[in-house]
Amino acid sequence: MGNADIIKNLLGSENTMAYSKILANAIGLKEAIVYSCLLSKSAEKDSKGYFCYTIKDLQIDTTLTKAQQDRVIQNLVNLGLILCERKGLPAKRYFKINEYALDTIKRGY
């Protein structure tokens, strides 16, 4: 594999992520990145609007450790952007996007 192929693989759409600079300035870079991941994952929500995003999967997608994830998720909850619940055995984190907050963000920009 040549250098061009390596660079193409590293920067390919499956290995990159988009986030809002405006949102990052408003709520923090890590929060904007996690929120973007959660928004992408929310397509898999159940009938009540909840979806699972494991610690391991979020770490793979963001490089954030469990402790970092916990802080960022708590910040997003405190901002009213998401809800987070632990469900099941073994317990897993389930998230719900606060659609009202999302509408407010969209109207603001």
Protein backbone atom coordinates (compact mmCIF):
# COMPACT_ATOMS: atom_id res chain seq x y z
CA MET A 1 0.00 0.00 0.00
CA GLY A 2 1.47 3.34 -1.07
CA ASN A 3 1.47 6.61 0.87
CA ALA A 4 -1.43 7.98 -1.18
CA ASP A 5 -3.52 4.91 -0.34
CA ILE A 6 -2.68 5.20 3.35
CA ILE A 7 -3.66 8.89 3.42
CA LYS A 8 -6.85 8.14 1.46
CA ASN A 9 -7.74 5.40 3.97
CA LEU A 10 -7.01 7.63 6.98
CA LEU A 11 -9.09 10.51 5.65
CA GLY A 12 -11.91 8.46 4.12
CA SER A 13 -15.48 9.22 5.16
CA GLU A 14 -15.70 6.06 7.28
CA ASN A 15 -12.74 7.28 9.37
CA THR A 16 -13.65 10.93 9.80
CA MET A 17 -16.34 12.82 11.66
CA ALA A 18 -18.07 16.16 11.20
CA TYR A 19 -19.01 18.48 14.05
CA SER A 20 -20.31 22.00 14.25
CA LYS A 21 -17.71 24.66 15.04
CA ILE A 22 -20.49 26.93 16.26
CA LEU A 23 -21.73 24.24 18.63
CA ALA A 24 -18.16 23.48 19.76
CA ASN A 25 -17.66 27.15 20.64
CA ALA A 26 -20.97 27.20 22.50
CA ILE A 27 -20.74 23.95 24.50
CA GLY A 28 -17.15 22.68 24.12
CA LEU A 29 -15.29 20.59 21.57
CA LYS A 30 -15.67 17.21 23.28
CA GLU A 31 -19.36 17.88 23.91
CA ALA A 32 -19.91 18.80 20.25
CA ILE A 33 -18.12 15.66 19.08
CA VAL A 34 -20.07 13.35 21.41
CA TYR A 35 -23.33 15.12 20.55
CA SER A 36 -22.60 14.62 16.84
CA CYS A 37 -22.00 10.91 17.46
CA LEU A 38 -25.22 10.64 19.45
CA LEU A 39 -27.19 12.41 16.72
CA SER A 40 -25.81 9.97 14.14
CA LYS A 41 -26.62 6.97 16.32
CA SER A 42 -30.14 8.23 17.11
CA ALA A 43 -31.37 6.82 13.80
CA GLU A 44 -31.41 3.48 15.65
CA LYS A 45 -33.85 4.68 18.34
CA ASP A 46 -36.67 2.57 19.76
CA SER A 47 -40.35 3.52 19.87
CA LYS A 48 -39.68 5.74 22.92
CA GLY A 49 -36.77 7.52 21.24
CA TYR A 50 -33.96 5.78 23.16
CA PHE A 51 -30.89 4.14 21.65
CA CYS A 52 -27.87 2.36 23.10
CA TYR A 53 -24.30 3.60 22.64
CA THR A 54 -21.80 1.49 24.56
CA ILE A 55 -18.76 2.92 26.32
CA LYS A 56 -16.52 0.86 24.05
CA ASP A 57 -18.20 2.01 20.84
CA LEU A 58 -18.16 5.67 21.88
CA GLN A 59 -14.49 5.32 22.81
CA ILE A 60 -13.72 3.86 19.38
CA ASP A 61 -15.62 6.70 17.69
CA THR A 62 -14.21 9.56 19.82
CA THR A 63 -11.06 8.26 21.61
CA LEU A 64 -12.59 9.48 24.90
CA THR A 65 -12.07 7.30 27.97
CA LYS A 66 -15.00 6.22 30.14
CA ALA A 67 -14.26 9.00 32.66
CA GLN A 68 -14.11 11.61 29.88
CA GLN A 69 -17.33 10.26 28.38
CA ASP A 70 -19.06 10.43 31.76
CA ARG A 71 -18.10 14.10 32.21
CA VAL A 72 -19.11 15.07 28.67
CA ILE A 73 -22.40 13.16 28.84
CA GLN A 74 -23.24 14.80 32.18
CA ASN A 75 -22.52 18.20 30.61
CA LEU A 76 -24.88 17.38 27.70
CA VAL A 77 -27.56 16.25 30.16
CA ASN A 78 -27.09 19.44 32.23
CA LEU A 79 -27.43 21.51 29.04
CA GLY A 80 -30.72 19.75 28.32
CA LEU A 81 -29.55 18.36 24.98
CA ILE A 82 -29.91 14.68 25.88
CA LEU A 83 -31.35 12.26 28.40
CA CYS A 84 -29.26 9.33 29.62
CA GLU A 85 -30.49 6.22 31.42
CA ARG A 86 -28.92 2.93 32.43
CA LYS A 87 -31.06 -0.08 31.55
CA GLY A 88 -30.82 -3.85 31.42
CA LEU A 89 -28.54 -6.49 32.89
CA PRO A 90 -25.73 -5.96 32.42
CA ALA A 91 -26.61 -2.27 32.48
CA LYS A 92 -26.01 -0.28 29.31
CA ARG A 93 -26.31 3.43 28.64
CA TYR A 94 -29.33 4.51 26.66
CA PHE A 95 -29.68 7.99 25.26
CA LYS A 96 -32.50 10.12 23.98
CA ILE A 97 -32.05 13.33 22.03
CA ASN A 98 -34.08 16.20 23.45
CA GLU A 99 -35.94 17.11 20.25
CA TYR A 100 -37.07 20.44 21.73
CA ALA A 101 -33.46 21.45 22.36
CA LEU A 102 -32.55 20.35 18.84
CA ASP A 103 -35.35 22.54 17.43
CA THR A 104 -34.07 25.45 19.52
CA ILE A 105 -30.55 24.97 18.13
CA LYS A 106 -31.86 24.83 14.56
CA ARG A 107 -33.91 28.04 15.03
CA GLY A 108 -30.87 29.81 16.52
CA TYR A 109 -28.75 29.18 13.44
